Protein backbone atom coordinates (compact mmCIF):
# COMPACT_ATOMS: atom_id res chain seq x y z
CA MET A 1 4.69 0.59 15.96
CA VAL A 2 4.25 1.79 12.38
CA ARG A 3 4.17 -1.08 9.92
CA VAL A 4 5.67 -1.24 6.41
CA LYS A 5 4.10 -2.33 3.13
CA ILE A 6 6.36 -2.58 0.09
CA CYS A 7 4.16 -2.12 -2.96
CA GLY A 8 4.65 -2.87 -6.64
CA ILE A 9 6.61 -6.07 -6.12
CA THR A 10 7.39 -7.79 -9.43
CA ARG A 11 10.31 -10.06 -8.45
CA ALA A 12 10.59 -12.83 -5.88
CA SER A 13 14.00 -11.54 -4.83
CA ASP A 14 12.51 -8.15 -3.94
CA ALA A 15 9.73 -9.82 -1.94
CA GLN A 16 12.23 -11.94 -0.05
CA LEU A 17 14.54 -9.03 0.75
CA SER A 18 11.58 -6.93 1.89
CA ALA A 19 10.52 -9.76 4.19
CA GLU A 20 14.02 -10.17 5.58
CA LEU A 21 14.18 -6.45 6.34
CA GLY A 22 10.90 -6.57 8.24
CA ALA A 23 8.09 -5.84 5.80
CA HIS A 24 4.69 -6.61 7.23
CA ALA A 25 3.08 -6.72 3.78
CA ILE A 26 3.88 -6.67 0.07
CA GLY A 27 1.68 -5.32 -2.70
CA LEU A 28 1.10 -7.12 -6.00
CA ASN A 29 -0.32 -4.79 -8.64
CA PHE A 30 -2.95 -6.12 -11.05
CA TYR A 31 -3.60 -2.79 -12.80
CA PRO A 32 -2.43 -3.36 -16.42
CA GLN A 33 -1.51 0.27 -17.06
CA SER A 34 0.91 0.38 -14.13
CA PRO A 35 4.64 -0.02 -14.79
CA ARG A 36 4.52 -2.35 -11.77
CA ALA A 37 1.74 -4.54 -13.16
CA ILE A 38 2.10 -8.27 -12.64
CA SER A 39 0.22 -11.24 -14.05
CA PRO A 40 -1.60 -13.63 -11.74
CA ALA A 41 0.77 -16.40 -12.85
CA ASP A 42 3.86 -14.39 -11.93
CA ALA A 43 2.24 -13.32 -8.66
CA ALA A 44 1.69 -16.98 -7.79
CA LYS A 45 5.40 -17.69 -8.34
CA ILE A 46 6.34 -14.86 -5.96
CA LEU A 47 3.84 -15.98 -3.35
CA ARG A 48 5.19 -19.53 -3.34
CA LYS A 49 8.53 -18.15 -2.15
CA LEU A 50 7.12 -15.57 0.27
CA PRO A 51 8.13 -16.29 3.89
CA PRO A 52 5.38 -16.84 6.46
CA PHE A 53 3.96 -13.94 8.45
CA VAL A 54 4.25 -11.49 5.53
CA THR A 55 0.84 -10.34 4.29
CA PRO A 56 0.28 -10.47 0.51
CA VAL A 57 -2.04 -7.72 -0.73
CA GLY A 58 -3.51 -7.48 -4.22
CA ILE A 59 -3.92 -4.04 -5.78
CA PHE A 60 -6.97 -3.66 -8.01
CA VAL A 61 -8.22 -0.62 -9.94
CA ASN A 62 -11.91 -0.42 -10.83
CA TRP A 63 -12.55 -4.16 -10.98
CA ALA A 64 -15.96 -5.65 -10.34
CA ALA A 65 -16.28 -7.31 -6.96
CA ALA A 66 -16.51 -10.93 -8.10
CA PRO A 67 -13.20 -11.07 -10.04
CA VAL A 68 -11.37 -9.42 -7.13
CA VAL A 69 -12.70 -12.05 -4.74
CA VAL A 70 -11.98 -14.96 -7.10
CA LEU A 71 -8.39 -13.94 -7.87
CA SER A 72 -7.71 -13.14 -4.21
CA GLN A 73 -8.96 -16.55 -3.15
CA VAL A 74 -7.10 -18.42 -5.91
CA LEU A 75 -3.80 -16.73 -5.03
CA GLY A 76 -4.36 -16.83 -1.29
CA LEU A 77 -4.14 -13.07 -0.85
CA ALA A 78 -4.75 -11.77 2.66
CA ALA A 79 -6.31 -8.47 1.60
CA ALA A 80 -7.50 -6.57 -1.46
CA GLN A 81 -6.44 -2.96 -1.94
CA LEU A 82 -9.04 -1.17 -4.06
CA HIS A 83 -7.14 1.72 -5.58
CA GLY A 84 -9.58 3.10 -8.12
CA ASP A 85 -12.94 4.85 -7.98
CA GLU A 86 -14.81 1.91 -6.48
CA SER A 87 -18.22 2.59 -4.99
CA PRO A 88 -19.07 1.81 -1.37
CA GLN A 89 -21.18 -1.05 -2.72
CA ILE A 90 -18.20 -2.65 -4.47
CA VAL A 91 -16.09 -2.28 -1.34
CA ALA A 92 -18.79 -3.85 0.79
CA ALA A 93 -19.23 -6.76 -1.62
CA VAL A 94 -15.51 -7.55 -1.63
CA ALA A 95 -15.23 -7.06 2.13
CA LYS A 96 -17.74 -9.86 2.70
CA LYS A 97 -15.10 -12.30 1.43
CA ILE A 98 -11.71 -10.68 2.04
CA PRO A 99 -10.41 -7.71 4.08
CA VAL A 100 -10.35 -4.49 2.06
CA ILE A 101 -7.94 -1.55 2.08
CA LYS A 102 -9.68 1.33 0.29
CA ALA A 103 -7.30 3.80 -1.29
CA PHE A 104 -8.10 7.47 -1.72
CA ARG A 105 -6.12 9.77 -3.98
CA PHE A 106 -6.45 13.45 -3.16
CA ALA A 107 -4.66 16.78 -3.35
CA LYS A 108 -4.52 19.46 -0.68
CA ASN A 109 -7.48 21.39 -2.08
CA ASP A 110 -9.68 18.35 -2.68
CA LYS A 111 -12.64 17.45 -0.51
CA PRO A 112 -11.75 14.95 2.24
CA PRO A 113 -12.48 11.30 1.47
CA LYS A 114 -15.87 10.04 2.64
CA PHE A 115 -14.64 7.48 5.14
CA PRO A 116 -18.09 6.73 6.66
CA SER A 117 -19.42 5.64 3.27
CA TYR A 118 -16.71 2.99 3.11
CA ARG A 119 -17.13 1.58 6.61
CA ALA A 120 -16.80 -1.97 5.24
CA ALA A 121 -13.09 -1.34 4.63
CA GLN A 122 -10.72 -2.32 7.42
CA ALA A 123 -8.13 0.31 6.53
CA PHE A 124 -7.64 3.31 4.25
CA LEU A 125 -4.64 4.19 2.13
CA LEU A 126 -4.03 7.88 1.48
CA ASP A 127 -2.15 8.66 -1.72
CA SER A 128 -1.39 11.77 -3.69
CA ALA A 129 -3.52 12.70 -6.69
CA ASP A 130 -2.18 12.99 -10.21
CA ALA A 131 -4.59 13.25 -13.15
CA GLY A 132 -4.81 9.99 -15.07
CA LYS A 133 -2.69 8.02 -12.61
CA PHE A 134 -3.66 5.53 -9.92
CA GLY A 135 -0.71 5.76 -7.51
CA GLY A 136 3.03 5.59 -8.00
CA THR A 137 3.24 9.33 -8.64
CA GLY A 138 6.22 9.97 -6.37
CA THR A 139 4.60 13.05 -4.85
CA THR A 140 3.64 13.40 -1.20
CA THR A 141 0.10 13.57 0.07
CA ASP A 142 -1.36 15.96 2.63
CA TRP A 143 0.32 14.92 5.89
CA ASN A 144 -1.78 17.30 7.99
CA PHE A 145 -5.02 15.72 6.84
CA ALA A 146 -3.50 12.25 7.13
CA ARG A 147 -2.59 12.88 10.77
CA THR A 148 -6.16 13.90 11.57
CA ALA A 149 -7.51 10.84 9.79
CA ALA A 150 -5.05 8.57 11.62
CA THR A 151 -6.59 9.49 14.97
CA SER A 152 -9.77 7.58 14.10
CA HIS A 153 -8.91 5.18 11.26
CA HIS A 154 -6.27 2.65 10.28
CA ILE A 155 -4.34 4.81 7.81
CA LEU A 156 -1.69 3.57 5.40
CA LEU A 157 0.33 6.61 4.36
CA ALA A 158 1.56 6.52 0.76
CA GLY A 159 2.66 9.06 -1.80
CA GLY A 160 6.24 10.14 -2.35
CA LEU A 161 7.78 8.36 0.61
CA THR A 162 11.54 7.79 0.44
CA PRO A 163 14.36 6.89 2.83
CA GLU A 164 14.96 10.63 3.14
CA ASN A 165 11.48 11.60 4.35
CA VAL A 166 9.79 8.51 5.80
CA ALA A 167 10.92 9.15 9.38
CA GLU A 168 9.61 12.71 9.18
CA ALA A 169 6.34 11.42 7.73
CA ILE A 170 5.90 8.86 10.49
CA LEU A 171 6.55 11.39 13.23
CA ALA A 172 4.20 13.91 11.62
CA VAL A 173 1.31 11.57 10.78
CA ARG A 174 1.66 8.55 13.13
CA PRO A 175 -0.06 6.26 10.63
CA TYR A 176 -0.94 2.61 11.07
CA ALA A 177 1.51 1.82 8.26
CA VAL A 178 3.60 3.39 5.52
CA ASP A 179 3.37 2.22 1.93
CA VAL A 180 6.19 2.72 -0.58
CA ALA A 181 6.78 1.79 -4.21
CA SER A 182 8.72 4.25 -6.37
CA GLY A 183 10.70 5.63 -3.43
CA VAL A 184 12.74 2.43 -3.08
CA GLU A 185 13.21 1.59 -6.76
CA SER A 186 16.05 1.69 -9.24
CA HIS A 187 13.51 1.35 -12.07
CA PRO A 188 9.72 1.02 -11.98
CA GLY A 189 8.96 -2.36 -10.48
CA LYS A 190 12.60 -3.08 -9.60
CA LYS A 191 13.49 -2.45 -5.98
CA ASP A 192 16.89 -1.08 -5.04
CA PRO A 193 18.43 -3.10 -2.17
CA GLY A 194 20.27 -0.07 -0.79
CA LYS A 195 17.17 2.09 -0.79
CA LEU A 196 15.12 -0.68 0.81
CA ARG A 197 17.65 -1.08 3.62
CA ALA A 198 17.81 2.68 4.17
CA PHE A 199 14.01 2.91 4.21
CA PHE A 200 13.64 0.22 6.88
CA SER A 201 16.43 1.79 8.91
CA GLU A 202 14.61 5.11 8.95
CA VAL A 203 11.31 3.46 9.85
CA ALA A 204 13.04 1.76 12.77
CA ARG A 205 14.52 5.08 13.87
CA ALA A 206 11.13 6.76 13.77
CA ASN A 207 9.48 3.90 15.65
CA SER A 208 12.15 4.19 18.32
CA LEU A 209 11.44 7.89 18.70
CA LEU A 210 7.69 7.23 18.91
CA SER A 211 8.21 4.76 21.74
CA LYS A 212 10.07 7.24 23.95
């Protein structure tokens, strides 16, 4: 079964609807330049209303290890998604205290990510590359490479996923999970209930096809 992470949550109502629809995880973005950025105080308010059995993940871009660990522990986050240009050493230092999802941004002609160097991470998120941006680009990543990577790693597929293409992506890549932000929004950081419902419906359809 392919899992679902709804990223860029900024409102408790969006977190609750995502949970009701079957989200396995939500992403809270602590990158100030993101239109989906959230303060630790607002994140705490969302987390207090988050139903049980939904994994809260913090998204960090180029933080030092210690602040990631401290904020994650204070908020009670279940995992830290390192979405910048963090070194293997930073990943390993964070991973000693909290599970790490290491994100890689790459285009079709880029060199493949160096997964072995980041063996401390428990999963890898594959996102599309856009100069000067750290995710949320709305463009798809290389599904062919992602499928190969998914045969030997826990891969979260991100990048340009929408209700219209997520089933195709799941069937093509067979990732551990799919990760969506802009593809289910009415405005940056504001989730669209109709798009969320359609997204989960298509994920369920793809999972049903995978089980046959």
